Amino acid sequence: MRTTLTRLSAPARWISDRIAQGRGNGNDTGDISITTVIIWVAAVAGALAIAGTIAAVLTKYNGLITGI
């Protein structure tokens, strides 16, 4: 148990130091650019379109592919 805690303490210390450094800068407002939003919306829409197409094809040919 002590070995596990020793191994986990170093990454936890590193993460807390990185968070403190980020807060220390103070100039990051957390704004997301409109380009990033457009890319994410397009990616999600594309994934939903692909999933919908696969579902439609499976529904249409369900009786024909049962033997696979």
C-alpha atoms as a PDB file:
ATOM      1  CA  MET A   1       0.000   0.000   0.000  1.00  0.00           C
ATOM      2  CA  ARG A   2       2.829   2.367   0.823  1.00  0.00           C
ATOM      3  CA  THR A   3       4.485   1.675  -2.526  1.00  0.00           C
ATOM      4  CA  THR A   4       1.256   2.488  -4.350  1.00  0.00           C
ATOM      5  CA  LEU A   5       0.865   5.747  -2.458  1.00  0.00           C
ATOM      6  CA  THR A   6       4.471   6.645  -3.181  1.00  0.00           C
ATOM      7  CA  ARG A   7       3.973   5.998  -6.894  1.00  0.00           C
ATOM      8  CA  LEU A   8       0.767   8.018  -6.997  1.00  0.00           C
ATOM      9  CA  SER A   9       2.097  10.967  -5.032  1.00  0.00           C
ATOM     10  CA  ALA A  10       4.528  12.091  -7.751  1.00  0.00           C
ATOM     11  CA  PRO A  11       1.902  12.363 -10.528  1.00  0.00           C
ATOM     12  CA  ALA A  12      -0.523  14.027  -8.132  1.00  0.00           C
ATOM     13  CA  ARG A  13       2.128  16.568  -7.167  1.00  0.00           C
ATOM     14  CA  TRP A  14       2.945  17.191 -10.850  1.00  0.00           C
ATOM     15  CA  ILE A  15      -0.736  17.725 -11.714  1.00  0.00           C
ATOM     16  CA  SER A  16      -1.273  20.111  -8.816  1.00  0.00           C
ATOM     17  CA  ASP A  17       1.858  22.076  -9.809  1.00  0.00           C
ATOM     18  CA  ARG A  18       0.625  22.343 -13.416  1.00  0.00           C
ATOM     19  CA  ILE A  19      -2.779  23.570 -12.237  1.00  0.00           C
ATOM     20  CA  ALA A  20      -1.108  26.138 -10.011  1.00  0.00           C
ATOM     21  CA  GLN A  21       1.037  27.335 -12.930  1.00  0.00           C
ATOM     22  CA  GLY A  22      -2.034  27.690 -15.108  1.00  0.00           C
ATOM     23  CA  ARG A  23      -3.851  29.691 -12.473  1.00  0.00           C
ATOM     24  CA  GLY A  24      -0.781  31.824 -11.955  1.00  0.00           C
ATOM     25  CA  ASN A  25      -0.807  33.037 -15.552  1.00  0.00           C
ATOM     26  CA  GLY A  26      -4.242  34.588 -15.171  1.00  0.00           C
ATOM     27  CA  ASN A  27      -4.555  35.594 -18.820  1.00  0.00           C
ATOM     28  CA  ASP A  28      -6.441  32.505 -19.960  1.00  0.00           C
ATOM     29  CA  THR A  29     -10.122  33.374 -20.137  1.00  0.00           C
ATOM     30  CA  GLY A  30     -11.163  29.946 -21.371  1.00  0.00           C
ATOM     31  CA  ASP A  31     -12.750  31.263 -24.538  1.00  0.00           C
ATOM     32  CA  ILE A  32     -13.215  28.757 -27.346  1.00  0.00           C
ATOM     33  CA  SER A  33     -12.758  30.036 -30.865  1.00  0.00           C
ATOM     34  CA  ILE A  34     -15.667  29.800 -33.280  1.00  0.00           C
ATOM     35  CA  THR A  35     -13.544  27.602 -35.551  1.00  0.00           C
ATOM     36  CA  THR A  36     -13.216  25.009 -32.807  1.00  0.00           C
ATOM     37  CA  VAL A  37     -16.966  25.013 -32.252  1.00  0.00           C
ATOM     38  CA  ILE A  38     -17.624  24.602 -35.972  1.00  0.00           C
ATOM     39  CA  ILE A  39     -15.202  21.683 -36.194  1.00  0.00           C
ATOM     40  CA  TRP A  40     -16.778  19.929 -33.194  1.00  0.00           C
ATOM     41  CA  VAL A  41     -20.313  20.430 -34.497  1.00  0.00           C
ATOM     42  CA  ALA A  42     -19.310  19.099 -37.908  1.00  0.00           C
ATOM     43  CA  ALA A  43     -17.600  16.076 -36.353  1.00  0.00           C
ATOM     44  CA  VAL A  44     -20.608  15.217 -34.205  1.00  0.00           C
ATOM     45  CA  ALA A  45     -23.018  15.736 -37.112  1.00  0.00           C
ATOM     46  CA  GLY A  46     -20.881  13.515 -39.330  1.00  0.00           C
ATOM     47  CA  ALA A  47     -20.752  10.784 -36.707  1.00  0.00           C
ATOM     48  CA  LEU A  48     -24.528  10.925 -36.266  1.00  0.00           C
ATOM     49  CA  ALA A  49     -25.044  10.777 -40.041  1.00  0.00           C
ATOM     50  CA  ILE A  50     -22.814   7.725 -40.335  1.00  0.00           C
ATOM     51  CA  ALA A  51     -24.541   6.002 -37.412  1.00  0.00           C
ATOM     52  CA  GLY A  52     -27.952   6.803 -38.885  1.00  0.00           C
ATOM     53  CA  THR A  53     -26.951   5.433 -42.273  1.00  0.00           C
ATOM     54  CA  ILE A  54     -25.656   2.220 -40.737  1.00  0.00           C
ATOM     55  CA  ALA A  55     -28.857   1.849 -38.705  1.00  0.00           C
ATOM     56  CA  ALA A  56     -31.028   2.427 -41.778  1.00  0.00           C
ATOM     57  CA  VAL A  57     -29.110  -0.114 -43.852  1.00  0.00           C
ATOM     58  CA  LEU A  58     -29.256  -2.696 -41.060  1.00  0.00           C
ATOM     59  CA  THR A  59     -32.981  -2.134 -40.646  1.00  0.00           C
ATOM     60  CA  LYS A  60     -33.637  -2.407 -44.370  1.00  0.00           C
ATOM     61  CA  TYR A  61     -31.591  -5.561 -44.913  1.00  0.00           C
ATOM     62  CA  ASN A  62     -32.132  -7.182 -41.531  1.00  0.00           C
ATOM     63  CA  GLY A  63     -33.880 -10.230 -42.944  1.00  0.00           C
ATOM     64  CA  LEU A  64     -31.230 -10.781 -45.603  1.00  0.00           C
ATOM     65  CA  ILE A  65     -28.188 -10.655 -43.326  1.00  0.00           C
ATOM     66  CA  THR A  66     -29.419 -12.859 -40.485  1.00  0.00           C
ATOM     67  CA  GLY A  67     -27.333 -15.804 -41.723  1.00  0.00           C
ATOM     68  CA  ILE A  68     -24.012 -13.976 -41.501  1.00  0.00           C
END
